[in-house]
Protein backbone atom coordinates (compact mmCIF):
# COMPACT_ATOMS: atom_id res chain seq x y z
CA MET A 1 -186.62 -76.80 -190.36
CA SER A 2 -188.99 -74.05 -191.18
CA ASP A 3 -188.95 -70.46 -189.93
CA HIS A 4 -191.95 -71.33 -187.76
CA ASP A 5 -189.92 -74.09 -186.17
CA GLN A 6 -186.79 -72.10 -185.72
CA ALA A 7 -188.78 -69.45 -183.85
CA ALA A 8 -190.03 -72.12 -181.41
CA SER A 9 -193.19 -70.04 -181.07
CA ARG A 10 -195.15 -70.35 -177.78
CA PRO A 11 -198.87 -71.00 -177.44
CA ALA A 12 -200.63 -67.65 -176.96
CA ALA A 13 -201.92 -66.93 -173.39
CA ALA A 14 -200.97 -70.44 -172.18
CA PRO A 15 -202.93 -71.26 -169.00
CA ARG A 16 -201.05 -71.24 -165.74
CA ALA A 17 -199.01 -74.18 -164.86
CA GLU A 18 -196.67 -75.10 -161.88
CA ALA A 19 -193.50 -73.03 -162.70
CA GLU A 20 -190.21 -74.87 -163.02
CA ILE A 21 -187.12 -72.68 -162.78
CA GLU A 22 -183.90 -74.44 -163.32
CA LEU A 23 -180.19 -74.13 -164.41
CA LYS A 24 -178.19 -76.86 -166.00
CA LEU A 25 -174.41 -77.43 -165.66
CA ARG A 26 -172.45 -80.08 -167.67
CA GLY A 27 -169.05 -81.53 -167.26
CA GLN A 28 -167.19 -84.82 -167.01
CA PRO A 29 -169.01 -87.41 -165.13
CA GLU A 30 -165.98 -88.16 -162.81
CA ALA A 31 -165.77 -84.41 -162.06
CA LEU A 32 -169.51 -83.99 -161.36
CA GLN A 33 -169.56 -87.06 -159.13
CA ALA A 34 -166.57 -85.68 -157.10
CA LEU A 35 -168.17 -82.29 -156.86
CA PHE A 36 -171.34 -83.84 -155.65
CA GLU A 37 -169.74 -85.55 -152.87
CA GLN A 38 -167.76 -82.62 -151.44
CA PRO A 39 -168.09 -81.77 -147.77
CA ALA A 40 -168.99 -78.10 -148.49
CA ILE A 41 -171.90 -79.39 -150.71
CA ARG A 42 -173.05 -82.09 -148.10
CA ALA A 43 -173.01 -79.28 -145.46
CA ARG A 44 -175.86 -77.51 -147.30
CA LEU A 45 -178.01 -80.62 -147.46
CA VAL A 46 -181.59 -80.44 -146.19
CA GLY A 47 -183.20 -83.84 -145.55
CA ARG A 48 -181.88 -87.01 -147.05
CA ALA A 49 -180.11 -87.80 -150.44
CA ALA A 50 -181.89 -90.11 -152.89
CA THR A 51 -180.72 -92.15 -155.98
CA GLN A 52 -183.31 -92.98 -158.74
CA ARG A 53 -183.18 -94.66 -162.18
CA LEU A 54 -185.45 -92.66 -164.60
CA GLU A 55 -186.69 -93.72 -168.02
CA ASN A 56 -188.44 -90.96 -170.03
CA VAL A 57 -190.15 -91.54 -173.48
CA TYR A 58 -191.00 -88.20 -175.42
CA TYR A 59 -194.00 -88.19 -177.64
CA ASP A 60 -195.16 -85.92 -180.47
CA THR A 61 -197.36 -86.01 -183.49
CA ALA A 62 -195.91 -87.27 -186.87
CA ASP A 63 -195.38 -83.58 -188.04
CA GLN A 64 -194.08 -82.64 -184.46
CA ARG A 65 -196.81 -79.97 -183.75
CA LEU A 66 -195.84 -79.96 -180.07
CA ARG A 67 -192.20 -79.11 -180.66
CA SER A 68 -193.20 -76.30 -183.18
CA HIS A 69 -195.31 -74.75 -180.40
CA GLY A 70 -192.60 -75.06 -177.76
CA LEU A 71 -194.23 -77.84 -175.84
CA ALA A 72 -192.60 -81.12 -174.66
CA PHE A 73 -194.69 -84.16 -173.61
CA ARG A 74 -193.15 -87.19 -171.89
CA VAL A 75 -194.00 -90.30 -169.89
CA ARG A 76 -191.62 -91.14 -167.05
CA ARG A 77 -191.00 -94.51 -165.43
CA ARG A 78 -189.60 -94.47 -161.89
CA GLY A 79 -189.45 -97.99 -160.47
CA ARG A 80 -192.94 -99.46 -161.05
CA SER A 81 -194.77 -95.93 -161.30
CA TYR A 82 -195.49 -93.83 -164.25
CA VAL A 83 -196.17 -90.10 -164.58
CA GLN A 84 -196.95 -88.01 -167.72
CA THR A 85 -195.66 -84.35 -168.00
CA LEU A 86 -196.38 -81.59 -170.39
CA LYS A 87 -193.86 -78.74 -170.35
CA SER A 88 -194.22 -75.42 -172.11
CA ASN A 89 -191.74 -72.71 -173.31
CA ASP A 90 -189.11 -75.48 -173.72
CA ALA A 91 -186.60 -73.63 -175.90
CA GLY A 92 -183.75 -73.54 -173.42
CA GLY A 93 -181.37 -70.76 -172.41
CA LEU A 94 -179.34 -69.96 -169.33
CA VAL A 95 -182.14 -70.37 -166.75
CA ALA A 96 -185.25 -72.18 -167.98
CA TRP A 97 -188.59 -70.74 -166.89
CA ARG A 98 -191.06 -73.32 -167.91
CA GLY A 99 -194.68 -74.23 -167.17
CA GLU A 100 -195.20 -77.87 -166.15
CA TRP A 101 -198.29 -80.04 -165.71
CA GLN A 102 -198.10 -83.59 -164.60
CA THR A 103 -200.53 -86.50 -163.65
CA PRO A 104 -199.88 -90.20 -162.57
CA LEU A 105 -200.51 -92.97 -164.93
CA ALA A 106 -201.41 -96.68 -164.38
CA SER A 107 -199.32 -97.77 -167.39
CA PRO A 108 -196.60 -96.48 -169.73
CA GLU A 109 -199.26 -95.50 -172.41
CA PRO A 110 -200.07 -91.77 -172.47
CA ASP A 111 -203.55 -90.59 -171.52
CA LEU A 112 -204.11 -86.96 -172.35
CA ALA A 113 -207.63 -87.01 -170.82
CA LEU A 114 -206.08 -87.33 -167.37
CA LEU A 115 -204.02 -84.02 -167.69
CA PRO A 116 -205.31 -81.08 -165.72
CA PRO A 117 -207.40 -78.47 -167.46
CA GLY A 118 -204.53 -76.06 -167.94
CA ALA A 119 -202.60 -78.62 -169.88
CA LEU A 120 -205.54 -79.62 -172.07
CA ALA A 121 -206.18 -75.98 -172.88
CA ALA A 122 -202.47 -75.65 -173.92
CA LEU A 123 -202.89 -78.70 -176.16
CA SER A 124 -206.36 -77.54 -177.60
CA GLY A 125 -206.30 -77.95 -181.43
CA LEU A 126 -202.81 -79.32 -181.50
CA VAL A 127 -203.32 -83.05 -180.84
CA GLU A 128 -206.10 -85.50 -181.81
CA PRO A 129 -206.61 -88.89 -179.81
CA GLY A 130 -204.31 -91.61 -180.94
CA GLU A 131 -201.80 -89.11 -182.82
CA LEU A 132 -198.91 -89.25 -180.36
CA GLN A 133 -196.06 -91.40 -181.05
CA PRO A 134 -192.49 -91.98 -179.44
CA VAL A 135 -189.75 -89.72 -180.76
CA PHE A 136 -186.83 -90.44 -178.41
CA ALA A 137 -186.12 -91.57 -174.95
CA THR A 138 -183.82 -90.63 -172.04
CA ARG A 139 -182.38 -93.08 -169.50
CA VAL A 140 -180.49 -91.58 -166.53
CA ARG A 141 -179.26 -92.46 -163.08
CA ARG A 142 -180.25 -89.54 -160.88
CA GLN A 143 -178.79 -88.54 -157.63
CA VAL A 144 -180.83 -85.92 -155.83
CA ARG A 145 -179.65 -83.58 -153.07
CA ARG A 146 -181.89 -80.85 -151.64
CA LEU A 147 -179.51 -77.91 -150.75
CA GLU A 148 -179.88 -74.61 -148.92
CA THR A 149 -178.20 -71.45 -149.84
CA GLY A 150 -178.18 -68.01 -148.31
CA ASP A 151 -180.04 -66.93 -145.22
CA GLY A 152 -182.85 -64.81 -144.16
CA ASP A 153 -184.60 -62.96 -146.95
CA ALA A 154 -181.91 -64.28 -149.30
CA ARG A 155 -182.53 -67.93 -148.39
CA SER A 156 -183.17 -70.26 -151.33
CA VAL A 157 -183.77 -74.12 -151.51
CA VAL A 158 -182.57 -75.79 -154.52
CA GLU A 159 -182.98 -79.38 -155.73
CA ALA A 160 -179.64 -80.43 -157.19
CA ALA A 161 -179.98 -83.55 -159.46
CA LEU A 162 -176.95 -85.26 -160.95
CA ASP A 163 -177.96 -86.99 -164.16
CA LEU A 164 -175.69 -89.63 -165.83
CA GLY A 165 -177.02 -91.57 -168.82
CA ALA A 166 -177.98 -90.92 -172.34
CA ILE A 167 -180.61 -89.71 -174.86
CA GLU A 168 -181.49 -92.47 -177.38
CA ALA A 169 -183.23 -92.16 -180.71
CA ASP A 170 -183.26 -95.06 -183.20
CA ARG A 171 -179.65 -96.11 -183.35
CA HIS A 172 -178.33 -92.75 -182.12
CA ARG A 173 -177.10 -92.11 -178.59
CA LEU A 174 -175.98 -88.86 -176.99
CA PRO A 175 -174.39 -89.08 -173.47
CA ILE A 176 -175.76 -87.08 -170.45
CA ALA A 177 -173.55 -85.75 -167.77
CA GLU A 178 -175.13 -82.77 -166.10
CA LEU A 179 -176.05 -81.21 -162.83
CA GLU A 180 -179.64 -79.93 -162.84
CA LEU A 181 -180.42 -77.18 -160.29
CA GLU A 182 -184.08 -76.59 -159.69
CA LEU A 183 -185.46 -73.69 -157.61
CA LEU A 184 -187.90 -74.86 -154.95
CA GLU A 185 -188.01 -71.77 -152.70
CA GLY A 186 -186.56 -68.27 -152.84
CA SER A 187 -184.99 -66.24 -155.68
CA PRO A 188 -183.31 -67.44 -158.86
CA GLU A 189 -180.35 -65.78 -157.49
CA GLY A 190 -179.89 -68.78 -155.21
CA LEU A 191 -179.37 -70.96 -158.36
CA TYR A 192 -176.51 -68.70 -159.38
CA GLU A 193 -174.91 -68.70 -155.93
CA LEU A 194 -174.88 -72.41 -155.95
CA ALA A 195 -173.70 -72.70 -159.60
CA LEU A 196 -170.83 -70.29 -158.99
CA GLN A 197 -169.79 -72.35 -155.87
CA PHE A 198 -169.75 -75.42 -158.05
CA ASP A 199 -167.86 -73.66 -160.79
CA THR A 200 -164.97 -72.84 -158.36
CA THR A 201 -164.29 -76.54 -157.78
CA ALA A 202 -164.71 -78.24 -161.07
CA PRO A 203 -164.47 -77.32 -164.90
CA LEU A 204 -168.11 -76.80 -165.72
CA HIS A 205 -170.10 -75.28 -168.58
CA VAL A 206 -173.69 -74.11 -168.56
CA GLU A 207 -176.00 -76.49 -170.58
CA THR A 208 -178.26 -74.21 -172.60
CA ARG A 209 -180.50 -76.79 -174.07
CA SER A 210 -183.23 -78.90 -172.35
CA LYS A 211 -183.05 -82.77 -172.78
CA SER A 212 -186.13 -82.41 -175.04
CA VAL A 213 -184.43 -79.96 -177.37
CA ARG A 214 -181.32 -82.14 -177.66
CA GLY A 215 -183.45 -85.29 -178.14
CA TYR A 216 -185.53 -83.85 -181.00
CA ALA A 217 -182.27 -82.75 -182.76
CA LEU A 218 -180.79 -86.04 -182.22
CA ALA A 219 -183.86 -87.86 -183.59
CA ALA A 220 -183.99 -85.65 -186.74
CA GLY A 221 -180.23 -85.52 -187.23
CA GLU A 222 -180.56 -81.73 -187.41
CA PRO A 223 -178.24 -78.92 -186.23
CA PRO A 224 -179.31 -77.13 -183.05
CA PRO A 225 -182.08 -74.63 -183.72
CA TRP A 226 -181.39 -70.94 -183.77
CA HIS A 227 -183.65 -68.23 -182.42
CA LYS A 228 -184.42 -64.66 -182.98
CA ALA A 229 -185.19 -62.19 -180.28
CA GLU A 230 -188.77 -62.33 -179.24
CA PRO A 231 -190.84 -59.20 -178.84
CA LEU A 232 -190.77 -57.72 -175.29
CA ALA A 233 -193.98 -57.20 -173.30
CA LEU A 234 -193.31 -54.20 -171.14
CA SER A 235 -196.19 -52.42 -169.43
CA ARG A 236 -196.42 -48.73 -169.46
CA ARG A 237 -197.02 -48.86 -165.62
CA ALA A 238 -193.63 -50.63 -165.21
CA SER A 239 -190.77 -48.88 -163.33
CA VAL A 240 -187.45 -48.36 -164.87
CA ASP A 241 -186.17 -50.80 -162.43
CA ASP A 242 -188.53 -53.58 -163.51
CA ALA A 243 -188.07 -52.86 -167.13
CA MET A 244 -184.28 -53.02 -166.78
CA GLY A 245 -184.43 -56.51 -165.40
CA THR A 246 -186.78 -57.68 -168.08
CA ILE A 247 -184.67 -56.30 -170.97
CA LEU A 248 -181.38 -57.65 -169.54
CA ARG A 249 -182.99 -61.06 -169.04
CA ALA A 250 -184.32 -61.08 -172.63
CA CYS A 251 -180.89 -60.23 -174.06
CA LEU A 252 -179.10 -62.87 -172.05
CA GLN A 253 -181.71 -65.45 -173.15
CA GLN A 254 -181.25 -64.74 -176.83
CA TRP A 255 -177.44 -65.07 -176.38
CA CYS A 256 -177.56 -68.42 -174.50
CA VAL A 257 -180.37 -69.99 -176.48
CA ASN A 258 -178.24 -69.68 -179.63
CA GLU A 259 -174.99 -71.01 -178.12
CA ALA A 260 -175.40 -74.50 -179.22
CA ALA A 261 -176.17 -73.54 -182.78
CA ALA A 262 -173.10 -71.29 -182.86
CA VAL A 263 -170.86 -74.10 -181.48
CA ASP A 264 -172.23 -76.55 -183.97
CA GLY A 265 -171.58 -74.24 -186.77
CA ARG A 266 -173.59 -75.92 -189.57
CA ASP A 267 -176.10 -73.06 -189.88
CA PRO A 268 -174.34 -69.64 -190.17
CA GLU A 269 -177.43 -68.11 -188.44
CA GLY A 270 -176.45 -69.64 -185.07
CA ILE A 271 -173.36 -67.58 -184.55
CA HIS A 272 -174.98 -64.54 -186.03
CA GLN A 273 -178.00 -64.70 -183.74
CA MET A 274 -175.66 -65.44 -180.67
CA ARG A 275 -173.64 -62.14 -181.59
CA VAL A 276 -176.95 -60.25 -181.97
CA GLY A 277 -177.90 -61.37 -178.47
CA LEU A 278 -174.62 -60.13 -177.10
CA ARG A 279 -174.84 -56.88 -179.01
CA ARG A 280 -178.39 -56.33 -177.73
CA LEU A 281 -176.96 -56.98 -174.15
CA ARG A 282 -174.22 -54.42 -174.77
CA SER A 283 -176.71 -51.92 -176.09
CA ALA A 284 -178.96 -52.49 -173.08
CA LEU A 285 -176.07 -51.92 -170.76
CA ALA A 286 -175.38 -48.63 -172.68
CA VAL A 287 -178.98 -47.61 -172.41
CA PHE A 288 -179.05 -48.10 -168.65
CA GLY A 289 -175.42 -47.20 -168.31
CA ARG A 290 -175.84 -44.07 -166.03
CA LEU A 291 -177.93 -46.19 -163.67
CA ILE A 292 -175.11 -48.58 -163.06
CA ALA A 293 -172.06 -48.13 -160.98
CA PRO A 294 -169.23 -47.22 -163.31
CA GLU A 295 -166.87 -50.12 -162.20
CA ARG A 296 -169.46 -52.65 -162.62
CA ARG A 297 -170.68 -51.19 -166.02
CA ARG A 298 -167.13 -51.48 -167.32
CA TRP A 299 -166.69 -55.05 -166.14
CA LEU A 300 -170.02 -55.99 -167.74
CA ALA A 301 -169.35 -54.23 -171.03
CA ALA A 302 -165.82 -55.61 -171.30
CA GLY A 303 -167.06 -59.25 -170.86
CA ALA A 304 -169.61 -58.88 -173.58
CA GLU A 305 -167.07 -57.24 -175.84
CA ARG A 306 -164.56 -59.98 -175.40
CA ILE A 307 -167.06 -62.62 -176.42
CA ILE A 308 -168.31 -60.67 -179.32
CA GLY A 309 -164.70 -60.28 -180.50
CA ALA A 310 -163.99 -64.00 -180.20
CA LEU A 311 -167.08 -64.77 -182.45
CA GLY A 312 -166.26 -62.16 -185.00
CA PRO A 313 -163.85 -63.97 -187.39
CA ALA A 314 -166.20 -66.92 -187.66
CA ARG A 315 -169.16 -64.57 -188.63
CA ASP A 316 -167.09 -62.41 -190.90
CA TRP A 317 -166.12 -65.44 -193.00
CA ASP A 318 -169.62 -66.75 -192.96
CA VAL A 319 -170.79 -63.46 -194.49
CA PHE A 320 -167.96 -63.43 -197.09
CA LEU A 321 -168.59 -67.00 -198.27
CA THR A 322 -172.41 -66.91 -198.19
CA GLU A 323 -173.16 -63.33 -199.41
CA SER A 324 -170.04 -61.95 -200.99
CA LEU A 325 -168.41 -64.78 -202.73
CA ALA A 326 -171.36 -67.17 -203.38
CA PRO A 327 -173.13 -65.02 -206.24
CA VAL A 328 -169.80 -64.51 -207.95
CA LEU A 329 -168.81 -68.12 -207.88
CA ALA A 330 -172.35 -69.05 -209.18
CA ALA A 331 -171.86 -66.77 -212.13
CA ARG A 332 -168.31 -67.99 -212.79
CA PRO A 333 -168.13 -71.63 -211.37
CA ALA A 334 -164.95 -72.44 -213.44
CA ASP A 335 -162.92 -69.55 -212.37
CA GLU A 336 -159.67 -71.04 -210.86
CA GLY A 337 -159.01 -67.81 -208.82
CA LEU A 338 -162.50 -67.94 -207.19
CA ILE A 339 -162.17 -71.67 -206.62
CA ALA A 340 -158.90 -71.20 -204.85
CA LEU A 341 -160.32 -68.23 -202.95
CA SER A 342 -163.28 -70.24 -201.79
CA ALA A 343 -161.06 -73.08 -200.41
CA ALA A 344 -158.71 -70.51 -198.61
CA ALA A 345 -161.80 -68.73 -197.19
CA GLU A 346 -163.29 -72.08 -195.91
CA ASP A 347 -160.12 -72.79 -194.08
CA GLU A 348 -160.25 -69.31 -192.53
CA ARG A 349 -163.83 -69.97 -191.41
CA ARG A 350 -162.98 -73.31 -189.95
CA ARG A 351 -160.14 -71.60 -187.93
CA GLY A 352 -162.62 -68.86 -186.89
CA TYR A 353 -165.10 -71.50 -185.63
CA GLU A 354 -162.37 -73.21 -183.69
CA ALA A 355 -161.41 -70.02 -181.91
CA ALA A 356 -165.07 -69.27 -181.21
CA ARG A 357 -165.56 -72.77 -179.71
CA ALA A 358 -162.41 -72.37 -177.58
CA ALA A 359 -163.69 -69.01 -176.30
CA ILE A 360 -167.05 -70.52 -175.44
CA ALA A 361 -165.40 -73.52 -173.67
CA ALA A 362 -163.13 -71.35 -171.62
CA PRO A 363 -163.67 -71.06 -167.83
CA ASP A 364 -163.84 -67.25 -167.92
CA TYR A 365 -166.85 -67.50 -170.30
CA THR A 366 -168.81 -69.62 -167.82
CA ARG A 367 -167.82 -67.48 -164.96
CA TYR A 368 -168.85 -64.23 -166.74
CA LEU A 369 -172.22 -65.82 -167.64
CA LEU A 370 -172.94 -66.87 -164.14
CA GLU A 371 -171.80 -63.71 -162.62
CA LEU A 372 -173.92 -61.66 -165.08
CA GLY A 373 -177.00 -63.90 -164.48
CA ARG A 374 -176.62 -63.50 -160.70
CA TRP A 375 -176.14 -59.66 -161.03
CA ILE A 376 -179.36 -59.47 -163.13
CA GLU A 377 -181.52 -61.54 -160.74
CA ALA A 378 -180.12 -59.70 -157.59
CA GLY A 379 -180.94 -56.37 -159.29
CA GLY A 380 -177.27 -55.43 -158.85
CA TRP A 381 -177.88 -51.87 -160.16
CA ARG A 382 -179.81 -51.20 -156.87
CA GLU A 383 -176.77 -52.25 -154.67
CA GLN A 384 -174.65 -49.24 -155.56
CA PRO A 385 -177.24 -46.71 -157.07
CA THR A 386 -175.80 -43.84 -158.93
CA GLU A 387 -177.17 -40.38 -158.74
CA ARG A 388 -178.96 -40.87 -161.96
CA GLY A 389 -180.30 -44.20 -160.74
CA ALA A 390 -181.72 -42.72 -157.73
CA THR A 391 -183.55 -40.22 -159.79
CA TRP A 392 -184.78 -42.62 -162.45
CA LEU A 393 -185.35 -46.21 -161.06
CA GLU A 394 -188.75 -45.77 -159.60
CA ARG A 395 -189.98 -43.53 -162.38
CA PRO A 396 -192.20 -45.05 -165.14
CA ILE A 397 -190.23 -46.64 -167.86
CA VAL A 398 -192.36 -44.89 -170.53
CA ASP A 399 -190.86 -41.57 -169.55
CA PHE A 400 -187.27 -42.92 -169.50
CA ALA A 401 -187.81 -44.71 -172.92
CA GLY A 402 -189.12 -41.49 -174.58
CA HIS A 403 -186.15 -39.45 -173.29
CA LEU A 404 -183.60 -42.03 -174.41
CA LEU A 405 -185.03 -42.76 -177.84
CA GLY A 406 -185.09 -39.00 -178.67
CA LYS A 407 -181.50 -38.75 -177.60
CA ARG A 408 -180.42 -41.67 -179.92
CA HIS A 409 -182.58 -40.46 -182.80
CA ARG A 410 -180.98 -36.95 -182.67
CA ARG A 411 -177.50 -38.40 -182.50
CA ALA A 412 -178.22 -40.66 -185.73
CA LEU A 413 -179.58 -37.42 -187.52
CA ARG A 414 -176.55 -35.45 -186.51
CA LEU A 415 -173.98 -38.09 -187.67
CA GLY A 416 -175.89 -38.41 -191.02
CA GLU A 417 -176.03 -34.71 -191.99
CA GLY A 418 -174.90 -34.36 -195.54
CA PHE A 419 -175.42 -38.10 -196.00
CA ALA A 420 -174.67 -38.12 -199.76
CA ASP A 421 -171.06 -36.71 -199.27
CA LEU A 422 -170.08 -38.77 -196.16
CA THR A 423 -166.96 -40.78 -196.28
CA PRO A 424 -167.00 -44.63 -195.67
CA ALA A 425 -165.76 -44.15 -192.14
CA GLU A 426 -168.43 -41.60 -191.49
CA ARG A 427 -171.14 -43.83 -192.88
CA HIS A 428 -169.94 -46.63 -190.66
CA ARG A 429 -170.40 -44.40 -187.56
CA VAL A 430 -173.99 -43.71 -188.79
CA ARG A 431 -174.64 -47.44 -189.19
CA ILE A 432 -173.47 -48.09 -185.53
CA ALA A 433 -175.61 -45.26 -184.26
CA LEU A 434 -178.68 -46.69 -186.30
CA LYS A 435 -178.03 -50.22 -184.97
CA LYS A 436 -178.14 -48.89 -181.35
CA LEU A 437 -181.17 -46.77 -182.05
CA ARG A 438 -183.00 -49.83 -183.50
CA TYR A 439 -182.10 -52.10 -180.61
CA THR A 440 -183.47 -49.43 -178.29
CA ALA A 441 -186.60 -49.00 -180.38
CA GLU A 442 -187.17 -52.83 -180.32
CA PHE A 443 -186.60 -52.87 -176.39
CA PHE A 444 -189.38 -50.23 -175.92
CA GLU A 445 -191.79 -50.60 -178.95
CA GLY A 446 -194.26 -52.52 -176.85
CA LEU A 447 -194.75 -49.43 -174.63
CA PHE A 448 -196.10 -47.50 -177.64
CA GLY A 449 -198.01 -50.03 -179.62
CA ARG A 450 -196.34 -52.03 -182.46
CA LYS A 451 -198.73 -50.47 -185.11
CA ARG A 452 -197.11 -47.08 -184.26
CA THR A 453 -193.53 -48.45 -184.18
CA ARG A 454 -193.70 -50.68 -187.28
CA ALA A 455 -193.19 -48.07 -189.95
CA TYR A 456 -190.25 -46.41 -188.00
CA VAL A 457 -188.46 -49.72 -187.29
CA ALA A 458 -189.04 -50.67 -191.05
CA ALA A 459 -187.36 -47.46 -192.23
CA LEU A 460 -184.47 -48.10 -189.85
CA LYS A 461 -184.06 -51.69 -191.13
CA GLU A 462 -184.08 -50.56 -194.76
CA LEU A 463 -181.40 -48.08 -194.22
CA GLN A 464 -179.30 -50.51 -192.01
CA ASP A 465 -179.49 -53.06 -194.92
CA ALA A 466 -178.30 -50.60 -197.48
CA LEU A 467 -175.39 -49.47 -195.23
CA GLY A 468 -174.73 -53.13 -194.24
CA HIS A 469 -173.81 -53.91 -197.81
CA LEU A 470 -171.25 -51.19 -197.80
CA ASN A 471 -169.93 -52.41 -194.49
CA ASP A 472 -169.73 -56.08 -196.00
CA VAL A 473 -167.57 -54.59 -198.79
CA ALA A 474 -165.28 -53.01 -196.28
CA VAL A 475 -164.96 -56.18 -194.19
CA ALA A 476 -164.39 -58.18 -197.38
CA GLU A 477 -161.61 -55.86 -198.64
CA SER A 478 -159.84 -56.06 -195.23
CA ALA A 479 -160.17 -59.91 -194.96
CA LEU A 480 -159.07 -60.49 -198.43
CA GLY A 481 -155.96 -58.33 -197.96
CA ARG A 482 -154.96 -60.41 -194.83
CA LEU A 483 -155.66 -63.64 -196.63
CA ILE A 484 -153.50 -62.89 -199.57
CA GLU A 485 -150.69 -61.40 -197.52
CA GLY A 486 -150.55 -64.68 -195.58
CA ALA A 487 -150.79 -67.00 -198.65
CA GLY A 488 -147.99 -69.04 -199.89
CA GLU A 489 -147.43 -70.16 -203.46
CA PRO A 490 -150.97 -69.66 -204.76
CA ARG A 491 -150.82 -65.96 -203.96
CA LEU A 492 -151.29 -64.80 -207.47
CA THR A 493 -154.21 -67.03 -208.19
CA LEU A 494 -155.92 -65.91 -204.91
CA ALA A 495 -155.15 -62.22 -205.91
CA ARG A 496 -157.01 -62.79 -209.25
CA GLY A 497 -159.94 -64.33 -207.46
CA ALA A 498 -160.07 -61.46 -204.94
CA GLY A 499 -159.93 -58.93 -207.62
CA THR A 500 -162.91 -60.54 -209.37
CA VAL A 501 -164.91 -60.45 -206.11
CA LEU A 502 -164.03 -56.92 -205.24
CA GLY A 503 -165.00 -55.80 -208.75
CA TRP A 504 -168.34 -57.53 -208.38
CA LEU A 505 -168.87 -55.87 -205.07
CA ALA A 506 -167.84 -52.47 -206.37
CA ARG A 507 -170.59 -52.77 -209.05
CA GLY A 508 -173.08 -53.75 -206.29
CA THR A 509 -171.97 -50.68 -204.33
CA VAL A 510 -172.80 -48.38 -207.24
CA GLU A 511 -176.19 -49.93 -207.44
CA VAL A 512 -176.77 -49.70 -203.60
CA GLU A 513 -175.80 -46.00 -203.40
CA PRO A 514 -178.98 -44.44 -204.72
CA GLN A 515 -180.96 -46.84 -202.54
CA ALA A 516 -179.03 -45.89 -199.51
CA ARG A 517 -179.61 -42.14 -200.16
CA ALA A 518 -183.35 -42.68 -200.73
CA ALA A 519 -183.54 -44.77 -197.61
CA TRP A 520 -181.91 -42.15 -195.69
CA GLN A 521 -184.38 -39.49 -196.75
CA ARG A 522 -187.21 -41.74 -195.87
CA PHE A 523 -185.80 -42.22 -192.40
CA VAL A 524 -185.36 -38.59 -191.96
CA ALA A 525 -188.86 -37.93 -192.80
CA ARG A 526 -190.21 -40.63 -190.56
CA LYS A 527 -191.98 -39.11 -187.51
CA PRO A 528 -190.69 -40.49 -184.23
CA PHE A 529 -193.34 -42.98 -182.77
CA TRP A 530 -192.65 -41.76 -179.11
CA ASP A 531 -193.60 -38.22 -179.63
């Protein structure tokens, strides 16, 4: 898949569509069915329940231009009626916020000319008449309940749909057992309230991929796609309160939209981007930390830290195998020590991914995810405002951003004083400070214009890359030490391979050192874009 596909780019300025806001939970079919029949759930029922059989055929062009632009087009059969639907922003995530256009059809054949003007504008230039062809299908038995949660201003109405069936593509089949919660009235907080109630009574997991994303991957035989963070569009007129919600949602989205790729494990970028999303979340919590009640802030940060730690070993061995060992092995393919080291490292990576999958499948992971989502949607920082929060929340975000960026910039400069003579531990602290500064700069760069911020962020990235190599060497040294210490009979062979790798890395460190010093000087000379 190309970088363009991986990014799942959206159509620019897509015309307005009817919004679809939904959260999916997956589990065992029997558990979901039992949960759906509980008296506590029935007590929330508004109107009558319904059961339907739905068949959906998803269409795209031969080169899948709709998919590459974040669009999904399907024709649904329900009984003897047909309806065609175009959905936008179909990348997935924790809560999906999608545009949706639909029109009835007289037959199962798509007819784009019948779509409303907004949908036709979204498709403009992407599809020519006759180009669409079937890619995959879904067949489900859907049980629908309309449920009410909360009361007064906090009242929400949610359509809960239990889907049991499968996605089918050629001879491939992927079972579906999920509970789809779609917001009809009220705040997205209502989705989380209901999901948390379901989660207390059955082992559930948030489904972070839409049926279309899963269907495309099944049809192509591809691993789940990974996604980088998308640029944030913050208004200079926005308050700190508004910006806080936007930034936290974006971090949560990047984390969740990469979960499937991380669990799959075939592409190392999946677990990397999931960790980046979690680290951005942790950084955002620190950015706004003094506006959040201390007890809540500690709970939020501890949850993120726990998951980051669980993903760490898999990521460390990915980096070692693909970046540290690979070039050495390519240069010395017959080296017995390197061959043995590669096999041992692969075993460690496999165990790392098993631990990561276990952590993601654990009940406390789902609970933290849903609690965090509810807290963000409820604007939980307003429930127990701190003294600092009372001062800043209603002020313009541009004032807060400049204040905070200046503070983090000065800290990085202070830690990097005498850069050439810093110890590895001191440079590691500089690297962490630079990473926090870069995340903060990326959060707020839209406030100052990306032309102004580009050179500053580029200087930050160059310096981070140089220091990142030094950190990779330190991680490799530590990991190899543990690997050899725990080895059995082939310890001597592994030690020879480790020595070869560390010697190669040491040579690279000598080459990187002048680059790192020069990158530091360029960063120091770079004028802050927020001044």
